[in-house]
Amino acid sequence: MEQSATRLSLIARVRDPANGTAWAEFEQRYRDLVQHYALARGLQFCDAEDVCQIVFFRLSKYLRSFSYSAERGRFRSYLGAVVRNVIFEQKARPHPRGGAVDADDDVLEAAPDPHADESDEAWEQEWVNHHCRTALATIRQTFEPRSVEVFEALLAGAAPANVAAERGLSLDAVVKIRQRVRARMQELIQEQIEDEDVR
């Protein structure tokens, strides 16, 4: 997808401290990702919520000067490093609920996670899952309900022939719905990923 020269990515818009709308959109978009990853790393829900609050507080300061570099990599790698460091700090405390991690700690200067290789792979998978969930949420809002039901049934593993029979559709109609919705999902995911690029 090509973007016009005047179209700024979400990450670029968030870097403007006066753009509260962009920040609200940013937090809404990425909170789900951070929370799912924290829970997958073994944190309880309340601790995962603490991680979210600290991560977004730190990012509200540090994204203003964020820029790409060969060493740092893409935005998702930067975000993953921030999240992993906060989780590491949270787990390292003897009584996590007794005292919160310092939200003012340097975003990338905390002790490294000793499971970095494992967590990188887990982060990449959660990032993929996050973009699929986000795209599917848009699909639910923009496609007719029956098409969404058909697509979600297929995603859940139902055979196309069974989906067609249960809904009184031809097999050809079910296949076309799957192709149309899948193509739109791919477009949405690509748009979401491109919106992480700084301009």
Protein backbone atom coordinates (compact mmCIF):
# COMPACT_ATOMS: atom_id res chain seq x y z
CA MET A 1 0.00 0.00 0.00
CA GLU A 2 1.44 3.37 -0.96
CA GLN A 3 0.90 6.26 1.39
CA SER A 4 0.79 9.91 0.44
CA ALA A 5 3.66 12.17 1.44
CA THR A 6 1.39 13.96 3.94
CA ARG A 7 0.27 10.73 5.63
CA LEU A 8 2.22 10.25 8.86
CA SER A 9 2.42 6.83 10.50
CA LEU A 10 0.95 6.35 13.96
CA ILE A 11 4.44 6.10 15.45
CA ALA A 12 5.45 9.40 13.85
CA ARG A 13 2.27 11.10 15.11
CA VAL A 14 2.81 9.79 18.64
CA ARG A 15 6.18 11.54 18.74
CA ASP A 16 4.33 14.87 18.85
CA PRO A 17 3.56 15.41 22.58
CA ALA A 18 0.64 17.67 21.67
CA ASN A 19 -1.13 14.90 19.72
CA GLY A 20 -3.26 13.30 22.42
CA THR A 21 -5.49 11.59 19.88
CA ALA A 22 -2.54 9.72 18.40
CA TRP A 23 -1.38 8.62 21.85
CA ALA A 24 -4.85 7.28 22.73
CA GLU A 25 -4.92 5.37 19.44
CA PHE A 26 -1.41 4.03 20.07
CA GLU A 27 -2.25 2.76 23.55
CA GLN A 28 -5.52 1.23 22.38
CA ARG A 29 -3.72 -0.55 19.52
CA TYR A 30 -0.79 -1.98 21.49
CA ARG A 31 -2.20 -2.61 24.99
CA ASP A 32 -3.66 -5.94 23.83
CA LEU A 33 -0.26 -7.02 22.48
CA VAL A 34 1.63 -6.08 25.66
CA GLN A 35 -0.95 -7.70 27.93
CA HIS A 36 -1.12 -10.98 25.97
CA TYR A 37 2.67 -11.24 25.94
CA ALA A 38 2.95 -10.53 29.66
CA LEU A 39 0.35 -13.19 30.45
CA ALA A 40 2.14 -15.65 28.16
CA ARG A 41 5.34 -15.03 30.15
CA GLY A 42 3.59 -16.25 33.30
CA LEU A 43 2.43 -13.01 34.94
CA GLN A 44 -0.90 -12.82 36.74
CA PHE A 45 -3.50 -10.50 35.22
CA CYS A 46 -2.95 -7.73 37.80
CA ASP A 47 0.82 -7.87 37.21
CA ALA A 48 0.29 -7.81 33.44
CA GLU A 49 -1.79 -4.67 33.93
CA ASP A 50 1.07 -3.12 35.91
CA VAL A 51 3.43 -3.98 33.06
CA CYS A 52 1.10 -2.25 30.59
CA GLN A 53 0.96 0.91 32.67
CA ILE A 54 4.72 1.09 33.09
CA VAL A 55 5.44 0.28 29.44
CA PHE A 56 3.12 3.00 28.16
CA PHE A 57 4.37 5.53 30.69
CA ARG A 58 7.94 4.94 29.56
CA LEU A 59 7.02 5.00 25.90
CA SER A 60 5.19 8.30 26.36
CA LYS A 61 8.62 9.80 27.11
CA TYR A 62 10.97 7.82 24.94
CA LEU A 63 8.99 7.60 21.71
CA ARG A 64 9.45 11.34 21.26
CA SER A 65 13.05 10.69 20.30
CA PHE A 66 12.63 7.23 18.78
CA SER A 67 14.36 6.72 15.45
CA TYR A 68 15.41 3.68 13.49
CA SER A 69 18.97 2.40 13.58
CA ALA A 70 20.61 -0.75 12.28
CA GLU A 71 21.38 -1.82 15.85
CA ARG A 72 17.88 -1.28 17.20
CA GLY A 73 15.90 -2.63 14.28
CA ARG A 74 12.23 -2.11 13.56
CA PHE A 75 9.69 -0.60 15.93
CA ARG A 76 8.37 -4.00 16.96
CA SER A 77 11.88 -4.97 18.15
CA TYR A 78 12.16 -1.72 20.12
CA LEU A 79 8.73 -2.28 21.70
CA GLY A 80 9.60 -5.89 22.48
CA ALA A 81 12.79 -4.82 24.28
CA VAL A 82 10.84 -2.32 26.39
CA VAL A 83 8.19 -4.89 27.32
CA ARG A 84 10.70 -7.64 28.11
CA ASN A 85 12.72 -5.34 30.37
CA VAL A 86 9.65 -4.30 32.34
CA ILE A 87 8.55 -7.94 32.71
CA PHE A 88 12.06 -8.90 33.83
CA GLU A 89 12.01 -6.13 36.45
CA GLN A 90 8.55 -7.19 37.60
CA LYS A 91 9.57 -10.84 38.00
CA ALA A 92 12.86 -9.94 39.70
CA ARG A 93 11.13 -8.27 42.61
CA PRO A 94 10.66 -10.53 45.66
CA HIS A 95 7.13 -9.24 46.25
CA PRO A 96 5.80 -7.82 42.97
CA ARG A 97 2.58 -6.57 44.53
CA GLY A 98 4.46 -4.96 47.42
CA GLY A 99 6.10 -2.33 45.28
CA ALA A 100 5.72 -1.31 41.69
CA VAL A 101 8.54 -1.25 39.21
CA ASP A 102 9.91 2.28 38.89
CA ALA A 103 8.16 3.77 35.88
CA ASP A 104 11.04 6.23 35.48
CA ASP A 105 13.74 3.59 34.97
CA ASP A 106 15.55 3.91 31.67
CA VAL A 107 13.51 2.10 29.06
CA LEU A 108 16.41 0.09 27.62
CA GLU A 109 19.02 0.15 30.39
CA ALA A 110 17.52 -2.46 32.72
CA ALA A 111 19.28 -5.81 33.23
CA PRO A 112 18.80 -8.01 30.16
CA ASP A 113 16.27 -10.81 30.20
CA PRO A 114 18.25 -14.08 30.55
CA HIS A 115 15.72 -15.76 28.26
CA ALA A 116 16.14 -13.21 25.46
CA ASP A 117 16.37 -15.74 22.62
CA GLU A 118 13.26 -17.59 23.76
CA SER A 119 11.32 -14.38 24.43
CA ASP A 120 12.25 -12.91 21.05
CA GLU A 121 10.60 -15.85 19.31
CA ALA A 122 7.59 -15.62 21.60
CA TRP A 123 7.38 -11.87 21.01
CA GLU A 124 7.45 -12.29 17.23
CA GLN A 125 4.62 -14.83 17.42
CA GLU A 126 2.56 -12.61 19.70
CA TRP A 127 3.17 -9.68 17.36
CA VAL A 128 1.79 -11.75 14.45
CA ASN A 129 -1.19 -12.85 16.54
CA HIS A 130 -1.84 -9.25 17.57
CA HIS A 131 -1.99 -8.04 13.98
CA CYS A 132 -4.33 -10.88 13.06
CA ARG A 133 -6.65 -10.04 15.97
CA THR A 134 -6.61 -6.35 15.05
CA ALA A 135 -7.39 -7.06 11.40
CA LEU A 136 -10.17 -9.49 12.34
CA ALA A 137 -11.75 -6.83 14.56
CA THR A 138 -11.91 -4.53 11.51
CA ILE A 139 -13.35 -7.35 9.40
CA ARG A 140 -16.15 -7.81 11.94
CA GLN A 141 -17.04 -4.14 11.64
CA THR A 142 -16.88 -3.87 7.85
CA PHE A 143 -18.18 -7.16 6.43
CA GLU A 144 -21.75 -8.42 6.53
CA PRO A 145 -22.38 -10.65 9.57
CA ARG A 146 -22.97 -13.82 7.55
CA SER A 147 -19.61 -13.50 5.79
CA VAL A 148 -17.91 -12.97 9.14
CA GLU A 149 -19.64 -16.04 10.59
CA VAL A 150 -18.54 -18.15 7.63
CA PHE A 151 -14.95 -16.93 7.84
CA GLU A 152 -14.72 -17.44 11.60
CA ALA A 153 -16.15 -20.95 11.29
CA LEU A 154 -13.48 -21.76 8.71
CA LEU A 155 -10.80 -20.24 10.94
CA ALA A 156 -11.99 -22.49 13.75
CA GLY A 157 -11.31 -25.50 11.53
CA ALA A 158 -14.75 -26.31 10.13
CA ALA A 159 -14.77 -27.95 6.70
CA PRO A 160 -16.06 -25.66 3.91
CA ALA A 161 -18.66 -28.24 2.88
CA ASN A 162 -20.04 -28.39 6.44
CA VAL A 163 -20.12 -24.60 6.72
CA ALA A 164 -22.02 -24.42 3.42
CA ALA A 165 -24.56 -27.04 4.49
CA GLU A 166 -25.14 -25.50 7.93
CA ARG A 167 -25.80 -22.06 6.47
CA GLY A 168 -27.69 -23.01 3.32
CA LEU A 169 -24.93 -21.79 1.02
CA SER A 170 -23.23 -23.37 -1.95
CA LEU A 171 -19.69 -24.60 -1.49
CA ASP A 172 -18.61 -22.12 -4.15
CA ALA A 173 -20.13 -19.24 -2.14
CA VAL A 174 -18.26 -20.31 0.99
CA VAL A 175 -14.97 -20.54 -0.91
CA LYS A 176 -15.49 -17.08 -2.39
CA ILE A 177 -16.25 -15.61 1.04
CA ARG A 178 -13.07 -17.16 2.40
CA GLN A 179 -11.01 -15.77 -0.46
CA ARG A 180 -12.52 -12.30 -0.22
CA VAL A 181 -12.19 -11.99 3.55
CA ARG A 182 -8.70 -13.52 3.59
CA ALA A 183 -7.53 -11.06 0.92
CA ARG A 184 -8.90 -8.15 2.96
CA MET A 185 -7.25 -9.52 6.12
CA GLN A 186 -3.91 -9.58 4.33
CA GLU A 187 -4.39 -5.98 3.15
CA LEU A 188 -5.28 -4.82 6.65
CA ILE A 189 -2.31 -6.55 8.24
CA GLN A 190 0.00 -4.98 5.67
CA GLU A 191 -1.49 -1.55 6.35
CA GLN A 192 -1.06 -2.04 10.11
CA ILE A 193 2.57 -3.06 9.71
CA GLU A 194 3.30 -0.12 7.40
CA ASP A 195 1.74 2.19 9.98
CA GLU A 196 4.54 1.17 12.36
CA ASP A 197 7.11 2.72 10.05
CA VAL A 198 8.31 6.14 11.10
CA ARG A 199 7.96 8.94 8.58
